[in-house]
Amino acid sequence: MFASTLEDEMTIDWLCHSSVFQRCIEWLHANSTQYPAGITKLEGDQFFVNVHGYETKHRTNCRWESHRRTVDLQYCISGSERIDWTNERFDKGTSDYDEQSDFELWNARETDFSSFELTPRRFVIFFSGEPHRPMVLHPASKSIHKLVFKIDMELLAQ
């Protein structure tokens, strides 16, 4: 897990050493006045962005998820949420792995975790295999409007 803001120039410079992260940052800047709702394919199924929103919930009603082959770069447009993160690996998922969407849900259990506050202009990156629990209620807002870049791990090597 890695988190920062668009205003952190050193971090942005470092991220832009990766061409795919550079494309994410450029897309954010180019669309900053009007992010198009829904999915925009940037490089087919290997690299796309999904602009969406939802109501956040109490932590006990949120579920752990992870991805096997993709990286998430999640950016807050407005509102806020907490996203829990852990480096522990869970034993058994609550559902079969969905290969098409690269999505896996995990049984909730007591575990050590960190909580990140995703607020406007902040972003967080979750790498493959990192369990995270989005949608957690933040005291500043009951909803969030955000975008998620889905990046195939193969693109990070380019």
C-alpha atoms as a PDB file:
ATOM      1  CA  MET A   1       0.000   0.000   0.000  1.00  0.00           C
ATOM      2  CA  PHE A   2       1.228   3.437  -0.910  1.00  0.00           C
ATOM      3  CA  ALA A   3      -0.577   6.750  -0.352  1.00  0.00           C
ATOM      4  CA  SER A   4      -0.023  10.402  -1.148  1.00  0.00           C
ATOM      5  CA  THR A   5      -1.551  13.530  -2.713  1.00  0.00           C
ATOM      6  CA  LEU A   6      -1.286  15.113  -6.132  1.00  0.00           C
ATOM      7  CA  GLU A   7       0.390  18.095  -4.450  1.00  0.00           C
ATOM      8  CA  ASP A   8       3.364  16.006  -3.270  1.00  0.00           C
ATOM      9  CA  GLU A   9       5.710  16.787  -6.164  1.00  0.00           C
ATOM     10  CA  MET A  10       8.516  14.452  -5.039  1.00  0.00           C
ATOM     11  CA  THR A  11       6.133  11.505  -4.867  1.00  0.00           C
ATOM     12  CA  ILE A  12       4.564  12.319  -8.224  1.00  0.00           C
ATOM     13  CA  ASP A  13       8.013  12.631  -9.823  1.00  0.00           C
ATOM     14  CA  TRP A  14       8.980   9.244  -8.369  1.00  0.00           C
ATOM     15  CA  LEU A  15       5.721   7.589  -9.535  1.00  0.00           C
ATOM     16  CA  CYS A  16       6.191   8.982 -13.036  1.00  0.00           C
ATOM     17  CA  HIS A  17       9.294   6.809 -13.442  1.00  0.00           C
ATOM     18  CA  SER A  18       6.704   4.152 -14.253  1.00  0.00           C
ATOM     19  CA  SER A  19       5.080   4.942 -17.593  1.00  0.00           C
ATOM     20  CA  VAL A  20       1.720   3.524 -16.497  1.00  0.00           C
ATOM     21  CA  PHE A  21       1.610   5.628 -13.312  1.00  0.00           C
ATOM     22  CA  GLN A  22       2.661   8.631 -15.375  1.00  0.00           C
ATOM     23  CA  ARG A  23      -0.335   7.985 -17.647  1.00  0.00           C
ATOM     24  CA  CYS A  24      -2.608   7.859 -14.569  1.00  0.00           C
ATOM     25  CA  ILE A  25      -1.332  11.231 -13.343  1.00  0.00           C
ATOM     26  CA  GLU A  26      -1.631  12.770 -16.810  1.00  0.00           C
ATOM     27  CA  TRP A  27      -5.200  11.449 -17.138  1.00  0.00           C
ATOM     28  CA  LEU A  28      -6.106  12.915 -13.734  1.00  0.00           C
ATOM     29  CA  HIS A  29      -4.805  16.347 -14.765  1.00  0.00           C
ATOM     30  CA  ALA A  30      -6.332  16.249 -18.249  1.00  0.00           C
ATOM     31  CA  ASN A  31      -9.803  15.377 -16.921  1.00  0.00           C
ATOM     32  CA  SER A  32      -9.756  17.334 -13.661  1.00  0.00           C
ATOM     33  CA  THR A  33     -12.696  19.588 -14.565  1.00  0.00           C
ATOM     34  CA  GLN A  34     -14.991  16.740 -15.611  1.00  0.00           C
ATOM     35  CA  TYR A  35     -14.216  13.097 -14.841  1.00  0.00           C
ATOM     36  CA  PRO A  36     -16.346  10.924 -17.181  1.00  0.00           C
ATOM     37  CA  ALA A  37     -18.642   8.598 -15.211  1.00  0.00           C
ATOM     38  CA  GLY A  38     -18.235   4.852 -15.656  1.00  0.00           C
ATOM     39  CA  ILE A  39     -15.416   2.881 -17.206  1.00  0.00           C
ATOM     40  CA  THR A  40     -12.939   4.441 -19.630  1.00  0.00           C
ATOM     41  CA  LYS A  41     -10.586   1.939 -21.242  1.00  0.00           C
ATOM     42  CA  LEU A  42      -7.092   3.345 -21.563  1.00  0.00           C
ATOM     43  CA  GLU A  43      -5.466   0.144 -22.834  1.00  0.00           C
ATOM     44  CA  GLY A  44      -8.189  -2.460 -23.153  1.00  0.00           C
ATOM     45  CA  ASP A  45      -8.820  -4.679 -20.155  1.00  0.00           C
ATOM     46  CA  GLN A  46      -5.223  -4.241 -18.960  1.00  0.00           C
ATOM     47  CA  PHE A  47      -5.569  -0.574 -18.015  1.00  0.00           C
ATOM     48  CA  PHE A  48      -8.785   1.327 -17.389  1.00  0.00           C
ATOM     49  CA  VAL A  49     -10.367   3.791 -14.986  1.00  0.00           C
ATOM     50  CA  ASN A  50     -13.755   3.516 -13.302  1.00  0.00           C
ATOM     51  CA  VAL A  51     -15.364   6.734 -12.023  1.00  0.00           C
ATOM     52  CA  HIS A  52     -18.113   6.002  -9.510  1.00  0.00           C
ATOM     53  CA  GLY A  53     -19.535   6.801  -6.098  1.00  0.00           C
ATOM     54  CA  TYR A  54     -21.376   5.197  -3.208  1.00  0.00           C
ATOM     55  CA  GLU A  55     -22.622   5.607   0.335  1.00  0.00           C
ATOM     56  CA  THR A  56     -20.119   4.509   2.952  1.00  0.00           C
ATOM     57  CA  LYS A  57     -21.025   2.075   5.744  1.00  0.00           C
ATOM     58  CA  HIS A  58     -20.081   1.089   9.257  1.00  0.00           C
ATOM     59  CA  ARG A  59     -16.907  -1.030   9.254  1.00  0.00           C
ATOM     60  CA  THR A  60     -18.774  -4.184  10.320  1.00  0.00           C
ATOM     61  CA  ASN A  61     -20.799  -4.006   7.079  1.00  0.00           C
ATOM     62  CA  CYS A  62     -17.744  -3.719   4.813  1.00  0.00           C
ATOM     63  CA  ARG A  63     -15.805  -6.596   3.288  1.00  0.00           C
ATOM     64  CA  TRP A  64     -12.165  -7.331   2.667  1.00  0.00           C
ATOM     65  CA  GLU A  65     -11.168  -7.686  -0.985  1.00  0.00           C
ATOM     66  CA  SER A  66      -8.024  -8.248  -3.018  1.00  0.00           C
ATOM     67  CA  HIS A  67      -6.881  -8.704  -6.585  1.00  0.00           C
ATOM     68  CA  ARG A  68      -4.470 -11.276  -8.000  1.00  0.00           C
ATOM     69  CA  ARG A  69      -3.179  -9.608 -11.151  1.00  0.00           C
ATOM     70  CA  THR A  70      -4.096  -5.934 -10.929  1.00  0.00           C
ATOM     71  CA  VAL A  71      -3.051  -2.850  -9.010  1.00  0.00           C
ATOM     72  CA  ASP A  72      -5.617  -0.292  -7.841  1.00  0.00           C
ATOM     73  CA  LEU A  73      -4.849   3.407  -7.827  1.00  0.00           C
ATOM     74  CA  GLN A  74      -7.824   4.939  -6.018  1.00  0.00           C
ATOM     75  CA  TYR A  75      -8.320   8.719  -6.085  1.00  0.00           C
ATOM     76  CA  CYS A  76     -10.948  10.753  -4.218  1.00  0.00           C
ATOM     77  CA  ILE A  77     -12.828  13.362  -6.240  1.00  0.00           C
ATOM     78  CA  SER A  78     -15.212  14.428  -3.444  1.00  0.00           C
ATOM     79  CA  GLY A  79     -16.568  13.145  -0.156  1.00  0.00           C
ATOM     80  CA  SER A  80     -14.459  10.705   1.833  1.00  0.00           C
ATOM     81  CA  GLU A  81     -14.102   7.178   3.126  1.00  0.00           C
ATOM     82  CA  ARG A  82     -11.788   5.103   5.234  1.00  0.00           C
ATOM     83  CA  ILE A  83     -10.038   2.171   3.616  1.00  0.00           C
ATOM     84  CA  ASP A  84      -8.579  -0.499   5.873  1.00  0.00           C
ATOM     85  CA  TRP A  85      -5.466  -2.324   4.779  1.00  0.00           C
ATOM     86  CA  THR A  86      -3.534  -5.294   6.151  1.00  0.00           C
ATOM     87  CA  ASN A  87      -0.479  -7.246   5.090  1.00  0.00           C
ATOM     88  CA  GLU A  88      -1.944 -10.430   6.577  1.00  0.00           C
ATOM     89  CA  ARG A  89      -3.169 -13.069   4.168  1.00  0.00           C
ATOM     90  CA  PHE A  90      -6.576 -14.592   4.753  1.00  0.00           C
ATOM     91  CA  ASP A  91      -7.164 -18.325   4.670  1.00  0.00           C
ATOM     92  CA  LYS A  92     -10.413 -18.640   2.752  1.00  0.00           C
ATOM     93  CA  GLY A  93     -12.378 -16.332   0.532  1.00  0.00           C
ATOM     94  CA  THR A  94     -16.125 -15.805   0.871  1.00  0.00           C
ATOM     95  CA  SER A  95     -16.613 -16.345  -2.827  1.00  0.00           C
ATOM     96  CA  ASP A  96     -14.836 -17.928  -5.730  1.00  0.00           C
ATOM     97  CA  TYR A  97     -12.210 -15.804  -7.388  1.00  0.00           C
ATOM     98  CA  ASP A  98     -13.701 -13.900 -10.331  1.00  0.00           C
ATOM     99  CA  GLU A  99     -10.980 -14.052 -12.982  1.00  0.00           C
ATOM    100  CA  GLN A 100     -12.790 -11.712 -15.375  1.00  0.00           C
ATOM    101  CA  SER A 101     -12.917  -8.832 -12.865  1.00  0.00           C
ATOM    102  CA  ASP A 102      -9.870  -9.990 -10.858  1.00  0.00           C
ATOM    103  CA  PHE A 103     -11.844  -9.731  -7.637  1.00  0.00           C
ATOM    104  CA  GLU A 104     -11.887 -11.816  -4.497  1.00  0.00           C
ATOM    105  CA  LEU A 105     -13.797 -11.246  -1.243  1.00  0.00           C
ATOM    106  CA  TRP A 106     -12.488 -12.475   2.094  1.00  0.00           C
ATOM    107  CA  ASN A 107     -14.086 -13.595   5.335  1.00  0.00           C
ATOM    108  CA  ALA A 108     -14.033 -10.854   7.943  1.00  0.00           C
ATOM    109  CA  ARG A 109     -12.029 -11.675  11.024  1.00  0.00           C
ATOM    110  CA  GLU A 110     -10.157  -9.859  13.703  1.00  0.00           C
ATOM    111  CA  THR A 111      -6.812  -8.828  12.295  1.00  0.00           C
ATOM    112  CA  ASP A 112      -4.303  -6.055  12.672  1.00  0.00           C
ATOM    113  CA  PHE A 113      -4.962  -3.379  10.100  1.00  0.00           C
ATOM    114  CA  SER A 114      -4.183   0.215   9.285  1.00  0.00           C
ATOM    115  CA  SER A 115      -6.844   2.647   8.192  1.00  0.00           C
ATOM    116  CA  PHE A 116      -6.287   5.264   5.497  1.00  0.00           C
ATOM    117  CA  GLU A 117      -8.503   8.312   5.066  1.00  0.00           C
ATOM    118  CA  LEU A 118      -9.254   8.855   1.395  1.00  0.00           C
ATOM    119  CA  THR A 119     -10.230  12.516   1.114  1.00  0.00           C
ATOM    120  CA  PRO A 120     -10.312  14.879  -1.892  1.00  0.00           C
ATOM    121  CA  ARG A 121      -7.131  14.954  -4.019  1.00  0.00           C
ATOM    122  CA  ARG A 122      -5.581  12.058  -2.068  1.00  0.00           C
ATOM    123  CA  PHE A 123      -4.827   8.699  -3.620  1.00  0.00           C
ATOM    124  CA  VAL A 124      -3.850   5.245  -2.480  1.00  0.00           C
ATOM    125  CA  ILE A 125      -2.271   2.375  -4.396  1.00  0.00           C
ATOM    126  CA  PHE A 126      -3.002  -1.257  -3.510  1.00  0.00           C
ATOM    127  CA  PHE A 127      -0.774  -3.849  -5.127  1.00  0.00           C
ATOM    128  CA  SER A 128      -1.816  -7.364  -6.118  1.00  0.00           C
ATOM    129  CA  GLY A 129      -2.567  -9.588  -3.164  1.00  0.00           C
ATOM    130  CA  GLU A 130      -2.961  -6.756  -0.647  1.00  0.00           C
ATOM    131  CA  PRO A 131      -6.245  -7.167   1.251  1.00  0.00           C
ATOM    132  CA  HIS A 132      -8.110  -3.894   1.636  1.00  0.00           C
ATOM    133  CA  ARG A 133     -11.550  -2.963   2.938  1.00  0.00           C
ATOM    134  CA  PRO A 134     -13.070   0.093   1.226  1.00  0.00           C
ATOM    135  CA  MET A 135     -16.420   1.803   1.870  1.00  0.00           C
ATOM    136  CA  VAL A 136     -15.793   2.411   5.589  1.00  0.00           C
ATOM    137  CA  LEU A 137     -17.689   5.414   6.960  1.00  0.00           C
ATOM    138  CA  HIS A 138     -15.602   8.565   7.480  1.00  0.00           C
ATOM    139  CA  PRO A 139     -16.864  11.157   9.994  1.00  0.00           C
ATOM    140  CA  ALA A 140     -16.537  13.999   7.454  1.00  0.00           C
ATOM    141  CA  SER A 141     -18.870  12.482   4.839  1.00  0.00           C
ATOM    142  CA  LYS A 142     -21.351   9.656   4.338  1.00  0.00           C
ATOM    143  CA  SER A 143     -20.503   9.184   0.672  1.00  0.00           C
ATOM    144  CA  ILE A 144     -17.618   9.312  -1.762  1.00  0.00           C
ATOM    145  CA  HIS A 145     -17.152  10.079  -5.442  1.00  0.00           C
ATOM    146  CA  LYS A 146     -13.900   8.522  -6.618  1.00  0.00           C
ATOM    147  CA  LEU A 147     -12.095   6.897  -9.452  1.00  0.00           C
ATOM    148  CA  VAL A 148     -10.121   3.687  -9.550  1.00  0.00           C
ATOM    149  CA  PHE A 149      -7.422   2.954 -12.096  1.00  0.00           C
ATOM    150  CA  LYS A 150      -7.127  -0.810 -12.653  1.00  0.00           C
ATOM    151  CA  ILE A 151      -3.629  -1.649 -13.870  1.00  0.00           C
ATOM    152  CA  ASP A 152      -2.486  -5.100 -14.954  1.00  0.00           C
ATOM    153  CA  MET A 153       0.780  -5.984 -13.157  1.00  0.00           C
ATOM    154  CA  GLU A 154       2.403  -6.756 -16.523  1.00  0.00           C
ATOM    155  CA  LEU A 155       2.211  -3.055 -17.422  1.00  0.00           C
ATOM    156  CA  LEU A 156       4.318  -2.096 -14.406  1.00  0.00           C
ATOM    157  CA  ALA A 157       7.265  -3.971 -15.877  1.00  0.00           C
ATOM    158  CA  GLN A 158       7.238  -1.867 -19.047  1.00  0.00           C
END
